[in-house]
Amino acid sequence: MSCPICGKDAADGFRPFCSKRCADVDLGRWLNGAYFVPAEAPEELEEAAQDLARAPSGPH
């Protein structure tokens, strides 16, 4: 298996990546929005946001 970031062989400790650096590059891409999982429909996002707003905020 090759690293999806640089193409080198994957290392056992970092699979599917070759190194911590490539794993961190991938994480950074997720965190800055370069990667995303699309929603089925925009309405689902609005409904989920409303559900979160109505949910209790945890123990008081």
N, C-alpha and C. Protein backbone atom coordinates (compact mmCIF):
# COMPACT_ATOMS: atom_id res chain seq x y z
N MET A 1 0.85 -1.16 0.00
CA MET A 1 0.00 0.00 0.00
C MET A 1 0.90 1.24 0.00
N SER A 2 0.52 2.22 -0.76
CA SER A 2 1.32 3.45 -0.80
C SER A 2 0.61 4.56 -0.04
N CYS A 3 1.39 5.48 0.49
CA CYS A 3 0.89 6.62 1.25
C CYS A 3 0.03 7.50 0.33
N PRO A 4 -1.18 7.86 0.77
CA PRO A 4 -2.04 8.70 -0.08
C PRO A 4 -1.55 10.14 -0.22
N ILE A 5 -0.60 10.54 0.63
CA ILE A 5 -0.09 11.91 0.56
C ILE A 5 1.12 12.02 -0.36
N CYS A 6 2.12 11.14 -0.17
CA CYS A 6 3.36 11.29 -0.94
C CYS A 6 3.66 10.11 -1.87
N GLY A 7 2.96 8.99 -1.71
CA GLY A 7 3.16 7.85 -2.59
C GLY A 7 4.21 6.85 -2.15
N LYS A 8 4.93 7.13 -1.05
CA LYS A 8 5.92 6.17 -0.54
C LYS A 8 5.19 4.98 0.07
N ASP A 9 5.95 3.91 0.35
CA ASP A 9 5.36 2.74 1.00
C ASP A 9 4.86 3.11 2.39
N ALA A 10 3.69 2.59 2.77
CA ALA A 10 3.12 2.87 4.09
C ALA A 10 3.94 2.18 5.18
N ALA A 11 4.04 2.81 6.33
CA ALA A 11 4.76 2.26 7.48
C ALA A 11 3.75 1.67 8.46
N ASP A 12 4.11 0.56 9.09
CA ASP A 12 3.20 -0.13 10.00
C ASP A 12 2.63 0.79 11.08
N GLY A 13 3.44 1.63 11.67
CA GLY A 13 2.97 2.48 12.75
C GLY A 13 2.10 3.64 12.32
N PHE A 14 2.02 3.91 11.02
CA PHE A 14 1.28 5.08 10.53
C PHE A 14 0.29 4.76 9.42
N ARG A 15 0.02 3.47 9.19
CA ARG A 15 -0.87 3.07 8.10
C ARG A 15 -2.12 3.90 8.04
N PRO A 16 -2.56 4.36 6.94
CA PRO A 16 -2.09 4.11 5.58
C PRO A 16 -0.98 5.06 5.14
N PHE A 17 -0.44 5.84 6.07
CA PHE A 17 0.59 6.82 5.74
C PHE A 17 1.98 6.23 5.92
N CYS A 18 2.99 6.95 5.42
CA CYS A 18 4.38 6.49 5.54
C CYS A 18 5.06 7.06 6.77
N SER A 19 4.50 8.14 7.32
CA SER A 19 5.15 8.81 8.45
C SER A 19 4.14 9.66 9.20
N LYS A 20 4.56 10.13 10.37
CA LYS A 20 3.72 11.05 11.15
C LYS A 20 3.49 12.33 10.37
N ARG A 21 4.50 12.78 9.65
CA ARG A 21 4.37 14.01 8.87
C ARG A 21 3.20 13.91 7.88
N CYS A 22 3.15 12.82 7.12
CA CYS A 22 2.08 12.66 6.14
C CYS A 22 0.72 12.50 6.83
N ALA A 23 0.70 11.82 7.98
CA ALA A 23 -0.55 11.70 8.74
C ALA A 23 -1.01 13.08 9.20
N ASP A 24 -0.07 13.92 9.64
CA ASP A 24 -0.41 15.27 10.08
C ASP A 24 -0.88 16.15 8.92
N VAL A 25 -0.27 15.98 7.75
CA VAL A 25 -0.70 16.72 6.56
C VAL A 25 -2.16 16.37 6.26
N ASP A 26 -2.49 15.08 6.32
CA ASP A 26 -3.85 14.63 6.06
C ASP A 26 -4.83 15.22 7.08
N LEU A 27 -4.46 15.17 8.36
CA LEU A 27 -5.31 15.74 9.41
C LEU A 27 -5.51 17.23 9.17
N GLY A 28 -4.46 17.94 8.82
CA GLY A 28 -4.59 19.36 8.53
C GLY A 28 -5.55 19.64 7.39
N ARG A 29 -5.55 18.79 6.40
CA ARG A 29 -6.48 18.97 5.28
C ARG A 29 -7.93 18.80 5.73
N TRP A 30 -8.18 17.84 6.62
CA TRP A 30 -9.53 17.67 7.16
C TRP A 30 -9.93 18.89 7.98
N LEU A 31 -9.01 19.36 8.82
CA LEU A 31 -9.33 20.47 9.72
C LEU A 31 -9.53 21.80 9.00
N ASN A 32 -8.84 22.02 7.87
CA ASN A 32 -9.02 23.29 7.17
C ASN A 32 -10.12 23.22 6.11
N GLY A 33 -10.80 22.09 5.99
CA GLY A 33 -11.94 21.98 5.08
C GLY A 33 -11.59 21.53 3.67
N ALA A 34 -10.34 21.13 3.43
CA ALA A 34 -9.98 20.65 2.09
C ALA A 34 -10.69 19.33 1.78
N TYR A 35 -10.91 18.53 2.83
CA TYR A 35 -11.68 17.30 2.69
C TYR A 35 -13.00 17.50 3.44
N PHE A 36 -14.05 16.88 2.97
CA PHE A 36 -15.32 16.93 3.68
C PHE A 36 -16.18 15.77 3.23
N VAL A 37 -17.14 15.43 4.06
CA VAL A 37 -18.10 14.40 3.75
C VAL A 37 -19.40 15.12 3.44
N PRO A 38 -19.88 15.04 2.20
CA PRO A 38 -21.09 15.78 1.84
C PRO A 38 -22.33 15.23 2.55
N ALA A 39 -23.25 16.12 2.87
CA ALA A 39 -24.52 15.73 3.47
C ALA A 39 -25.45 15.23 2.37
N GLU A 40 -26.40 14.45 2.76
CA GLU A 40 -27.39 13.96 1.80
C GLU A 40 -28.21 15.12 1.23
N ALA A 41 -28.61 16.05 2.10
CA ALA A 41 -29.41 17.18 1.66
C ALA A 41 -29.16 18.35 2.61
N PRO A 42 -29.19 19.58 2.12
CA PRO A 42 -28.97 20.74 3.00
C PRO A 42 -29.95 20.80 4.16
N GLU A 43 -31.15 20.30 3.96
CA GLU A 43 -32.15 20.32 5.03
C GLU A 43 -31.68 19.50 6.23
N GLU A 44 -30.93 18.42 5.98
CA GLU A 44 -30.43 17.60 7.08
C GLU A 44 -29.49 18.39 7.96
N LEU A 45 -28.68 19.25 7.36
CA LEU A 45 -27.76 20.07 8.14
C LEU A 45 -28.52 21.04 9.03
N GLU A 46 -29.54 21.67 8.49
CA GLU A 46 -30.35 22.61 9.26
C GLU A 46 -31.06 21.90 10.40
N GLU A 47 -31.60 20.73 10.12
CA GLU A 47 -32.29 19.95 11.15
C GLU A 47 -31.31 19.53 12.25
N ALA A 48 -30.13 19.11 11.89
CA ALA A 48 -29.12 18.71 12.87
C ALA A 48 -28.71 19.90 13.73
N ALA A 49 -28.56 21.06 13.12
CA ALA A 49 -28.19 22.26 13.88
C ALA A 49 -29.29 22.64 14.86
N GLN A 50 -30.54 22.53 14.45
CA GLN A 50 -31.66 22.82 15.34
C GLN A 50 -31.72 21.82 16.49
N ASP A 51 -31.47 20.55 16.21
CA ASP A 51 -31.45 19.53 17.26
C ASP A 51 -30.37 19.83 18.29
N LEU A 52 -29.20 20.24 17.82
CA LEU A 52 -28.11 20.59 18.74
C LEU A 52 -28.46 21.79 19.60
N ALA A 53 -29.13 22.78 19.00
CA ALA A 53 -29.50 23.97 19.74
C ALA A 53 -30.52 23.66 20.83
N ARG A 54 -31.38 22.67 20.59
CA ARG A 54 -32.40 22.30 21.58
C ARG A 54 -31.88 21.35 22.66
N ALA A 55 -30.77 20.69 22.38
CA ALA A 55 -30.25 19.68 23.32
C ALA A 55 -29.72 20.34 24.58
N PRO A 56 -29.90 19.67 25.72
CA PRO A 56 -29.32 20.24 26.97
C PRO A 56 -27.80 20.30 26.83
N SER A 57 -27.19 21.26 27.49
CA SER A 57 -25.76 21.48 27.35
C SER A 57 -24.93 20.65 28.31
N GLY A 58 -25.49 19.63 28.89
CA GLY A 58 -24.72 18.74 29.78
C GLY A 58 -25.08 18.96 31.24
N PRO A 59 -24.35 18.30 32.14
CA PRO A 59 -24.66 18.40 33.56
C PRO A 59 -24.42 19.82 34.09
N HIS A 60 -25.28 20.25 34.97
CA HIS A 60 -25.16 21.60 35.56
C HIS A 60 -24.75 21.51 36.99
